[in-house]
Amino acid sequence: MNGYTQRKYYYPYASPFDPCPPIPVKSYETPPQLYLGYQPYGLDQFKPLDALYCGTLWPALYSPYSNPYEQGRE
Protein backbone atom coordinates (compact mmCIF):
# COMPACT_ATOMS: atom_id res chain seq x y z
CA MET A 1 0.00 0.00 0.00
CA ASN A 2 2.84 2.41 -0.76
CA GLY A 3 2.70 5.36 -3.11
CA TYR A 4 -0.67 6.84 -2.22
CA THR A 5 -2.03 9.54 0.02
CA GLN A 6 -5.47 9.57 1.55
CA ARG A 7 -5.73 13.37 1.31
CA LYS A 8 -6.29 14.71 -2.20
CA TYR A 9 -6.02 18.36 -3.27
CA TYR A 10 -7.58 20.31 -6.10
CA TYR A 11 -7.61 23.92 -7.27
CA PRO A 12 -11.12 25.20 -8.00
CA TYR A 13 -11.82 27.97 -10.46
CA ALA A 14 -12.02 31.40 -8.81
CA SER A 15 -14.07 33.89 -10.78
CA PRO A 16 -12.92 37.52 -10.73
CA PHE A 17 -16.57 38.48 -10.16
CA ASP A 18 -17.07 36.30 -7.09
CA PRO A 19 -18.00 38.52 -4.10
CA CYS A 20 -16.45 36.10 -1.59
CA PRO A 21 -12.71 35.63 -1.16
CA PRO A 22 -11.68 32.44 -2.95
CA ILE A 23 -10.26 29.37 -1.28
CA PRO A 24 -7.28 28.62 -3.54
CA VAL A 25 -6.78 24.97 -2.57
CA LYS A 26 -9.45 22.54 -1.38
CA SER A 27 -8.90 19.04 -0.08
CA TYR A 28 -10.79 15.87 0.68
CA GLU A 29 -9.92 12.45 2.07
CA THR A 30 -10.39 9.13 0.38
CA PRO A 31 -11.03 5.94 2.37
CA PRO A 32 -8.11 3.50 2.64
CA GLN A 33 -10.06 0.55 1.23
CA LEU A 34 -9.87 2.19 -2.21
CA TYR A 35 -6.18 1.30 -2.31
CA LEU A 36 -6.41 -2.18 -0.82
CA GLY A 37 -8.36 -3.92 -3.58
CA TYR A 38 -9.35 -6.97 -1.58
CA GLN A 39 -8.62 -7.87 2.01
CA PRO A 40 -5.71 -10.30 2.05
CA TYR A 41 -5.25 -12.98 4.68
CA GLY A 42 -2.99 -12.35 7.63
CA LEU A 43 -3.34 -8.57 7.99
CA ASP A 44 -2.03 -7.07 11.21
CA GLN A 45 -4.70 -6.46 13.84
CA PHE A 46 -5.19 -3.86 16.54
CA LYS A 47 -5.59 -4.95 20.14
CA PRO A 48 -9.31 -5.11 21.05
CA LEU A 49 -9.41 -1.80 22.95
CA ASP A 50 -7.48 -0.01 20.20
CA ALA A 51 -9.81 -1.52 17.59
CA LEU A 52 -12.85 -0.08 19.40
CA TYR A 53 -11.17 3.32 19.57
CA CYS A 54 -10.18 3.30 15.88
CA GLY A 55 -13.40 1.75 14.58
CA THR A 56 -11.67 -1.06 12.72
CA LEU A 57 -9.74 -4.18 13.57
CA TRP A 58 -7.10 -3.71 10.88
CA PRO A 59 -4.55 -0.85 10.87
CA ALA A 60 -4.47 -0.95 7.05
CA LEU A 61 -8.11 0.19 7.01
CA TYR A 62 -7.74 2.90 9.66
CA SER A 63 -7.90 6.54 8.63
CA PRO A 64 -7.81 9.31 11.24
CA TYR A 65 -9.54 11.92 9.01
CA SER A 66 -7.51 14.83 10.29
CA ASN A 67 -8.57 18.44 9.86
CA PRO A 68 -6.34 20.05 7.20
CA TYR A 69 -7.06 23.53 8.55
CA GLU A 70 -5.59 22.93 12.01
CA GLN A 71 -2.08 24.27 12.59
CA GLY A 72 0.69 21.69 12.63
CA ARG A 73 -1.02 19.26 10.27
CA GLU A 74 0.46 18.17 6.93
PDB file of N, CA and C in Angstrom:
ATOM      1  N   MET A   1       0.829  -1.196   0.000  1.00  0.00           N
ATOM      2  CA  MET A   1       0.000   0.000   0.000  1.00  0.00           C
ATOM      3  C   MET A   1       0.870   1.256   0.000  1.00  0.00           C
ATOM      4  N   ASN A   2       1.974   1.235  -0.692  1.00  0.00           N
ATOM      5  CA  ASN A   2       2.837   2.412  -0.757  1.00  0.00           C
ATOM      6  C   ASN A   2       2.495   3.240  -1.987  1.00  0.00           C
ATOM      7  N   GLY A   3       2.862   4.520  -1.947  1.00  0.00           N
ATOM      8  CA  GLY A   3       2.697   5.361  -3.114  1.00  0.00           C
ATOM      9  C   GLY A   3       1.337   6.027  -3.233  1.00  0.00           C
ATOM     10  N   TYR A   4       0.612   6.154  -2.161  1.00  0.00           N
ATOM     11  CA  TYR A   4      -0.670   6.835  -2.222  1.00  0.00           C
ATOM     12  C   TYR A   4      -0.802   7.757  -1.016  1.00  0.00           C
ATOM     13  N   THR A   5      -1.673   8.704  -1.116  1.00  0.00           N
ATOM     14  CA  THR A   5      -2.031   9.541   0.023  1.00  0.00           C
ATOM     15  C   THR A   5      -3.541   9.533   0.142  1.00  0.00           C
ATOM     16  N   GLN A   6      -4.029   9.566   1.349  1.00  0.00           N
ATOM     17  CA  GLN A   6      -5.468   9.574   1.552  1.00  0.00           C
ATOM     18  C   GLN A   6      -6.051  10.963   1.348  1.00  0.00           C
ATOM     19  N   ARG A   7      -5.247  11.999   1.509  1.00  0.00           N
ATOM     20  CA  ARG A   7      -5.732  13.366   1.310  1.00  0.00           C
ATOM     21  C   ARG A   7      -5.414  13.804  -0.113  1.00  0.00           C
ATOM     22  N   LYS A   8      -6.431  14.231  -0.827  1.00  0.00           N
ATOM     23  CA  LYS A   8      -6.287  14.707  -2.202  1.00  0.00           C
ATOM     24  C   LYS A   8      -6.538  16.219  -2.227  1.00  0.00           C
ATOM     25  N   TYR A   9      -5.897  16.902  -3.149  1.00  0.00           N
ATOM     26  CA  TYR A   9      -6.021  18.359  -3.273  1.00  0.00           C
ATOM     27  C   TYR A   9      -6.473  18.717  -4.681  1.00  0.00           C
ATOM     28  N   TYR A  10      -7.231  19.785  -4.784  1.00  0.00           N
ATOM     29  CA  TYR A  10      -7.584  20.312  -6.096  1.00  0.00           C
ATOM     30  C   TYR A  10      -7.709  21.825  -6.012  1.00  0.00           C
ATOM     31  N   TYR A  11      -7.607  22.475  -7.169  1.00  0.00           N
ATOM     32  CA  TYR A  11      -7.607  23.924  -7.269  1.00  0.00           C
ATOM     33  C   TYR A  11      -8.853  24.366  -8.029  1.00  0.00           C
ATOM     34  N   PRO A  12      -9.888  24.821  -7.318  1.00  0.00           N
ATOM     35  CA  PRO A  12     -11.120  25.203  -8.004  1.00  0.00           C
ATOM     36  C   PRO A  12     -10.956  26.529  -8.740  1.00  0.00           C
ATOM     37  N   TYR A  13     -11.813  26.710  -9.710  1.00  0.00           N
ATOM     38  CA  TYR A  13     -11.823  27.966 -10.456  1.00  0.00           C
ATOM     39  C   TYR A  13     -12.316  29.090  -9.549  1.00  0.00           C
ATOM     40  N   ALA A  14     -11.624  30.220  -9.583  1.00  0.00           N
ATOM     41  CA  ALA A  14     -12.018  31.398  -8.812  1.00  0.00           C
ATOM     42  C   ALA A  14     -12.362  32.511  -9.798  1.00  0.00           C
ATOM     43  N   SER A  15     -13.622  32.854  -9.860  1.00  0.00           N
ATOM     44  CA  SER A  15     -14.072  33.888 -10.777  1.00  0.00           C
ATOM     45  C   SER A  15     -13.642  35.268 -10.272  1.00  0.00           C
ATOM     46  N   PRO A  16     -13.257  36.167 -11.163  1.00  0.00           N
ATOM     47  CA  PRO A  16     -12.917  37.519 -10.728  1.00  0.00           C
ATOM     48  C   PRO A  16     -14.154  38.295 -10.251  1.00  0.00           C
ATOM     49  N   PHE A  17     -15.347  37.790 -10.551  1.00  0.00           N
ATOM     50  CA  PHE A  17     -16.573  38.484 -10.161  1.00  0.00           C
ATOM     51  C   PHE A  17     -17.204  37.889  -8.903  1.00  0.00           C
ATOM     52  N   ASP A  18     -16.551  36.918  -8.301  1.00  0.00           N
ATOM     53  CA  ASP A  18     -17.072  36.303  -7.088  1.00  0.00           C
ATOM     54  C   ASP A  18     -16.958  37.289  -5.927  1.00  0.00           C
ATOM     55  N   PRO A  19     -18.056  37.555  -5.198  1.00  0.00           N
ATOM     56  CA  PRO A  19     -17.999  38.525  -4.100  1.00  0.00           C
ATOM     57  C   PRO A  19     -17.271  37.991  -2.864  1.00  0.00           C
ATOM     58  N   CYS A  20     -17.119  36.687  -2.747  1.00  0.00           N
ATOM     59  CA  CYS A  20     -16.449  36.095  -1.586  1.00  0.00           C
ATOM     60  C   CYS A  20     -14.976  35.865  -1.902  1.00  0.00           C
ATOM     61  N   PRO A  21     -14.122  35.952  -0.897  1.00  0.00           N
ATOM     62  CA  PRO A  21     -12.711  35.633  -1.159  1.00  0.00           C
ATOM     63  C   PRO A  21     -12.562  34.156  -1.500  1.00  0.00           C
ATOM     64  N   PRO A  22     -11.797  33.836  -2.518  1.00  0.00           N
ATOM     65  CA  PRO A  22     -11.683  32.435  -2.949  1.00  0.00           C
ATOM     66  C   PRO A  22     -10.827  31.610  -1.990  1.00  0.00           C
ATOM     67  N   ILE A  23     -11.107  30.326  -1.971  1.00  0.00           N
ATOM     68  CA  ILE A  23     -10.259  29.370  -1.280  1.00  0.00           C
ATOM     69  C   ILE A  23      -9.400  28.741  -2.375  1.00  0.00           C
ATOM     70  N   PRO A  24      -8.099  29.038  -2.393  1.00  0.00           N
ATOM     71  CA  PRO A  24      -7.281  28.617  -3.538  1.00  0.00           C
ATOM     72  C   PRO A  24      -7.091  27.106  -3.650  1.00  0.00           C
ATOM     73  N   VAL A  25      -7.002  26.412  -2.532  1.00  0.00           N
ATOM     74  CA  VAL A  25      -6.778  24.969  -2.565  1.00  0.00           C
ATOM     75  C   VAL A  25      -7.809  24.304  -1.657  1.00  0.00           C
ATOM     76  N   LYS A  26      -8.508  23.311  -2.182  1.00  0.00           N
ATOM     77  CA  LYS A  26      -9.452  22.540  -1.384  1.00  0.00           C
ATOM     78  C   LYS A  26      -8.951  21.108  -1.304  1.00  0.00           C
ATOM     79  N   SER A  27      -9.368  20.419  -0.250  1.00  0.00           N
ATOM     80  CA  SER A  27      -8.903  19.041  -0.085  1.00  0.00           C
ATOM     81  C   SER A  27     -10.042  18.156   0.400  1.00  0.00           C
ATOM     82  N   TYR A  28      -9.843  16.872   0.198  1.00  0.00           N
ATOM     83  CA  TYR A  28     -10.786  15.867   0.679  1.00  0.00           C
ATOM     84  C   TYR A  28     -10.000  14.590   0.950  1.00  0.00           C
ATOM     85  N   GLU A  29     -10.586  13.702   1.744  1.00  0.00           N
ATOM     86  CA  GLU A  29      -9.920  12.448   2.066  1.00  0.00           C
ATOM     87  C   GLU A  29     -10.633  11.286   1.402  1.00  0.00           C
ATOM     88  N   THR A  30      -9.839  10.333   0.976  1.00  0.00           N
ATOM     89  CA  THR A  30     -10.393   9.125   0.380  1.00  0.00           C
ATOM     90  C   THR A  30     -10.220   7.979   1.377  1.00  0.00           C
ATOM     91  N   PRO A  31     -11.147   7.046   1.425  1.00  0.00           N
ATOM     92  CA  PRO A  31     -11.027   5.938   2.369  1.00  0.00           C
ATOM     93  C   PRO A  31      -9.915   4.973   1.967  1.00  0.00           C
ATOM     94  N   PRO A  32      -9.249   4.382   2.955  1.00  0.00           N
ATOM     95  CA  PRO A  32      -8.109   3.503   2.637  1.00  0.00           C
ATOM     96  C   PRO A  32      -8.474   2.248   1.868  1.00  0.00           C
ATOM     97  N   GLN A  33      -9.712   1.779   1.949  1.00  0.00           N
ATOM     98  CA  GLN A  33     -10.063   0.548   1.231  1.00  0.00           C
ATOM     99  C   GLN A  33     -10.026   0.728  -0.287  1.00  0.00           C
ATOM    100  N   LEU A  34      -9.996   1.964  -0.769  1.00  0.00           N
ATOM    101  CA  LEU A  34      -9.866   2.188  -2.209  1.00  0.00           C
ATOM    102  C   LEU A  34      -8.525   1.691  -2.738  1.00  0.00           C
ATOM    103  N   TYR A  35      -7.525   1.667  -1.886  1.00  0.00           N
ATOM    104  CA  TYR A  35      -6.176   1.301  -2.308  1.00  0.00           C
ATOM    105  C   TYR A  35      -5.810  -0.126  -1.937  1.00  0.00           C
ATOM    106  N   LEU A  36      -6.706  -0.824  -1.268  1.00  0.00           N
ATOM    107  CA  LEU A  36      -6.411  -2.177  -0.823  1.00  0.00           C
ATOM    108  C   LEU A  36      -6.829  -3.225  -1.844  1.00  0.00           C
ATOM    109  N   GLY A  37      -7.876  -2.958  -2.603  1.00  0.00           N
ATOM    110  CA  GLY A  37      -8.363  -3.921  -3.584  1.00  0.00           C
ATOM    111  C   GLY A  37      -9.229  -4.967  -2.918  1.00  0.00           C
ATOM    112  N   TYR A  38      -8.635  -5.963  -2.349  1.00  0.00           N
ATOM    113  CA  TYR A  38      -9.347  -6.970  -1.576  1.00  0.00           C
ATOM    114  C   TYR A  38      -8.589  -7.148  -0.274  1.00  0.00           C
ATOM    115  N   GLN A  39      -9.247  -7.715   0.705  1.00  0.00           N
ATOM    116  CA  GLN A  39      -8.624  -7.867   2.008  1.00  0.00           C
ATOM    117  C   GLN A  39      -7.830  -9.172   2.049  1.00  0.00           C
ATOM    118  N   PRO A  40      -6.515  -9.080   2.044  1.00  0.00           N
ATOM    119  CA  PRO A  40      -5.707 -10.300   2.045  1.00  0.00           C
ATOM    120  C   PRO A  40      -5.709 -10.976   3.416  1.00  0.00           C
ATOM    121  N   TYR A  41      -5.357 -12.243   3.431  1.00  0.00           N
ATOM    122  CA  TYR A  41      -5.247 -12.980   4.678  1.00  0.00           C
ATOM    123  C   TYR A  41      -4.040 -12.504   5.468  1.00  0.00           C
ATOM    124  N   GLY A  42      -4.143 -12.605   6.774  1.00  0.00           N
ATOM    125  CA  GLY A  42      -2.990 -12.348   7.629  1.00  0.00           C
ATOM    126  C   GLY A  42      -2.656 -10.886   7.854  1.00  0.00           C
ATOM    127  N   LEU A  43      -3.617  -9.977   7.706  1.00  0.00           N
ATOM    128  CA  LEU A  43      -3.342  -8.574   7.991  1.00  0.00           C
ATOM    129  C   LEU A  43      -3.081  -8.386   9.476  1.00  0.00           C
ATOM    130  N   ASP A  44      -2.238  -7.407   9.802  1.00  0.00           N
ATOM    131  CA  ASP A  44      -2.030  -7.066  11.207  1.00  0.00           C
ATOM    132  C   ASP A  44      -3.351  -6.639  11.822  1.00  0.00           C
ATOM    133  N   GLN A  45      -3.481  -6.830  13.143  1.00  0.00           N
ATOM    134  CA  GLN A  45      -4.702  -6.458  13.839  1.00  0.00           C
ATOM    135  C   GLN A  45      -4.375  -5.586  15.040  1.00  0.00           C
ATOM    136  N   PHE A  46      -5.288  -4.654  15.324  1.00  0.00           N
ATOM    137  CA  PHE A  46      -5.190  -3.865  16.543  1.00  0.00           C
ATOM    138  C   PHE A  46      -5.522  -4.749  17.739  1.00  0.00           C
ATOM    139  N   LYS A  47      -5.107  -4.324  18.909  1.00  0.00           N
ATOM    140  CA  LYS A  47      -5.586  -4.946  20.137  1.00  0.00           C
ATOM    141  C   LYS A  47      -7.064  -4.578  20.278  1.00  0.00           C
ATOM    142  N   PRO A  48      -7.868  -5.363  20.996  1.00  0.00           N
ATOM    143  CA  PRO A  48      -9.314  -5.112  21.052  1.00  0.00           C
ATOM    144  C   PRO A  48      -9.702  -3.695  21.480  1.00  0.00           C
ATOM    145  N   LEU A  49      -9.061  -3.147  22.502  1.00  0.00           N
ATOM    146  CA  LEU A  49      -9.410  -1.802  22.952  1.00  0.00           C
ATOM    147  C   LEU A  49      -9.042  -0.753  21.902  1.00  0.00           C
ATOM    148  N   ASP A  50      -7.885  -0.924  21.266  1.00  0.00           N
ATOM    149  CA  ASP A  50      -7.484  -0.007  20.198  1.00  0.00           C
ATOM    150  C   ASP A  50      -8.423  -0.115  18.997  1.00  0.00           C
ATOM    151  N   ALA A  51      -8.889  -1.327  18.711  1.00  0.00           N
ATOM    152  CA  ALA A  51      -9.815  -1.517  17.590  1.00  0.00           C
ATOM    153  C   ALA A  51     -11.132  -0.793  17.845  1.00  0.00           C
ATOM    154  N   LEU A  52     -11.618  -0.818  19.071  1.00  0.00           N
ATOM    155  CA  LEU A  52     -12.845  -0.084  19.396  1.00  0.00           C
ATOM    156  C   LEU A  52     -12.631   1.420  19.262  1.00  0.00           C
ATOM    157  N   TYR A  53     -11.471   1.888  19.671  1.00  0.00           N
ATOM    158  CA  TYR A  53     -11.171   3.321  19.575  1.00  0.00           C
ATOM    159  C   TYR A  53     -11.053   3.765  18.116  1.00  0.00           C
ATOM    160  N   CYS A  54     -10.426   2.937  17.281  1.00  0.00           N
ATOM    161  CA  CYS A  54     -10.182   3.303  15.880  1.00  0.00           C
ATOM    162  C   CYS A  54     -11.366   2.986  14.969  1.00  0.00           C
ATOM    163  N   GLY A  55     -12.242   2.093  15.392  1.00  0.00           N
ATOM    164  CA  GLY A  55     -13.395   1.751  14.580  1.00  0.00           C
ATOM    165  C   GLY A  55     -13.144   0.661  13.557  1.00  0.00           C
ATOM    166  N   THR A  56     -11.986   0.044  13.618  1.00  0.00           N
ATOM    167  CA  THR A  56     -11.673  -1.059  12.716  1.00  0.00           C
ATOM    168  C   THR A  56     -10.667  -1.970  13.382  1.00  0.00           C
ATOM    169  N   LEU A  57     -10.667  -3.211  12.993  1.00  0.00           N
ATOM    170  CA  LEU A  57      -9.741  -4.181  13.570  1.00  0.00           C
ATOM    171  C   LEU A  57      -8.371  -4.123  12.896  1.00  0.00           C
ATOM    172  N   TRP A  58      -8.323  -3.661  11.662  1.00  0.00           N
ATOM    173  CA  TRP A  58      -7.097  -3.706  10.883  1.00  0.00           C
ATOM    174  C   TRP A  58      -6.486  -2.317  10.707  1.00  0.00           C
ATOM    175  N   PRO A  59      -5.214  -2.153  11.052  1.00  0.00           N
ATOM    176  CA  PRO A  59      -4.550  -0.854  10.871  1.00  0.00           C
ATOM    177  C   PRO A  59      -4.507  -0.394   9.413  1.00  0.00           C
ATOM    178  N   ALA A  60      -4.507  -1.324   8.464  1.00  0.00           N
ATOM    179  CA  ALA A  60      -4.470  -0.945   7.046  1.00  0.00           C
ATOM    180  C   ALA A  60      -5.748  -0.232   6.621  1.00  0.00           C
ATOM    181  N   LEU A  61      -6.842  -0.444   7.349  1.00  0.00           N
ATOM    182  CA  LEU A  61      -8.113   0.193   7.006  1.00  0.00           C
ATOM    183  C   LEU A  61      -8.438   1.380   7.900  1.00  0.00           C
ATOM    184  N   TYR A  62      -7.510   1.776   8.752  1.00  0.00           N
ATOM    185  CA  TYR A  62      -7.737   2.903   9.660  1.00  0.00           C
ATOM    186  C   TYR A  62      -7.344   4.203   8.996  1.00  0.00           C
ATOM    187  N   SER A  63      -8.184   5.203   9.143  1.00  0.00           N
ATOM    188  CA  SER A  63      -7.900   6.542   8.633  1.00  0.00           C
ATOM    189  C   SER A  63      -8.348   7.546   9.683  1.00  0.00           C
ATOM    190  N   PRO A  64      -7.445   8.391  10.164  1.00  0.00           N
ATOM    191  CA  PRO A  64      -7.806   9.308  11.242  1.00  0.00           C
ATOM    192  C   PRO A  64      -8.668  10.486  10.810  1.00  0.00           C
ATOM    193  N   TYR A  65      -8.759  10.785   9.516  1.00  0.00           N
ATOM    194  CA  TYR A  65      -9.536  11.917   9.006  1.00  0.00           C
ATOM    195  C   TYR A  65      -9.205  13.207   9.750  1.00  0.00           C
ATOM    196  N   SER A  66      -7.976  13.618   9.622  1.00  0.00           N
ATOM    197  CA  SER A  66      -7.508  14.828  10.291  1.00  0.00           C
ATOM    198  C   SER A  66      -8.046  16.078   9.608  1.00  0.00           C
ATOM    199  N   ASN A  67      -8.096  17.158  10.370  1.00  0.00           N
ATOM    200  CA  ASN A  67      -8.569  18.442   9.864  1.00  0.00           C
ATOM    201  C   ASN A  67      -7.396  19.148   9.190  1.00  0.00           C
ATOM    202  N   PRO A  68      -7.475  19.430   7.892  1.00  0.00           N
ATOM    203  CA  PRO A  68      -6.342  20.050   7.201  1.00  0.00           C
ATOM    204  C   PRO A  68      -6.155  21.522   7.567  1.00  0.00           C
ATOM    205  N   TYR A  69      -7.121  22.123   8.231  1.00  0.00           N
ATOM    206  CA  TYR A  69      -7.058  23.533   8.547  1.00  0.00           C
ATOM    207  C   TYR A  69      -6.471  23.801   9.932  1.00  0.00           C
ATOM    208  N   GLU A  70      -6.223  22.744  10.712  1.00  0.00           N
ATOM    209  CA  GLU A  70      -5.586  22.930  12.006  1.00  0.00           C
ATOM    210  C   GLU A  70      -4.085  23.184  11.801  1.00  0.00           C
ATOM    211  N   GLN A  71      -3.515  23.990  12.663  1.00  0.00           N
ATOM    212  CA  GLN A  71      -2.082  24.272  12.586  1.00  0.00           C
ATOM    213  C   GLN A  71      -1.293  23.028  12.969  1.00  0.00           C
ATOM    214  N   GLY A  72      -0.179  22.812  12.322  1.00  0.00           N
ATOM    215  CA  GLY A  72       0.686  21.690  12.633  1.00  0.00           C
ATOM    216  C   GLY A  72       0.340  20.423  11.894  1.00  0.00           C
ATOM    217  N   ARG A  73      -0.649  20.454  11.039  1.00  0.00           N
ATOM    218  CA  ARG A  73      -1.019  19.261  10.269  1.00  0.00           C
ATOM    219  C   ARG A  73      -0.440  19.392   8.872  1.00  0.00           C
ATOM    220  N   GLU A  74      -0.031  18.282   8.314  1.00  0.00           N
ATOM    221  CA  GLU A  74       0.463  18.167   6.931  1.00  0.00           C
ATOM    222  C   GLU A  74       1.281  19.359   6.530  1.00  0.00           C
TER     223      GLU A  74
END
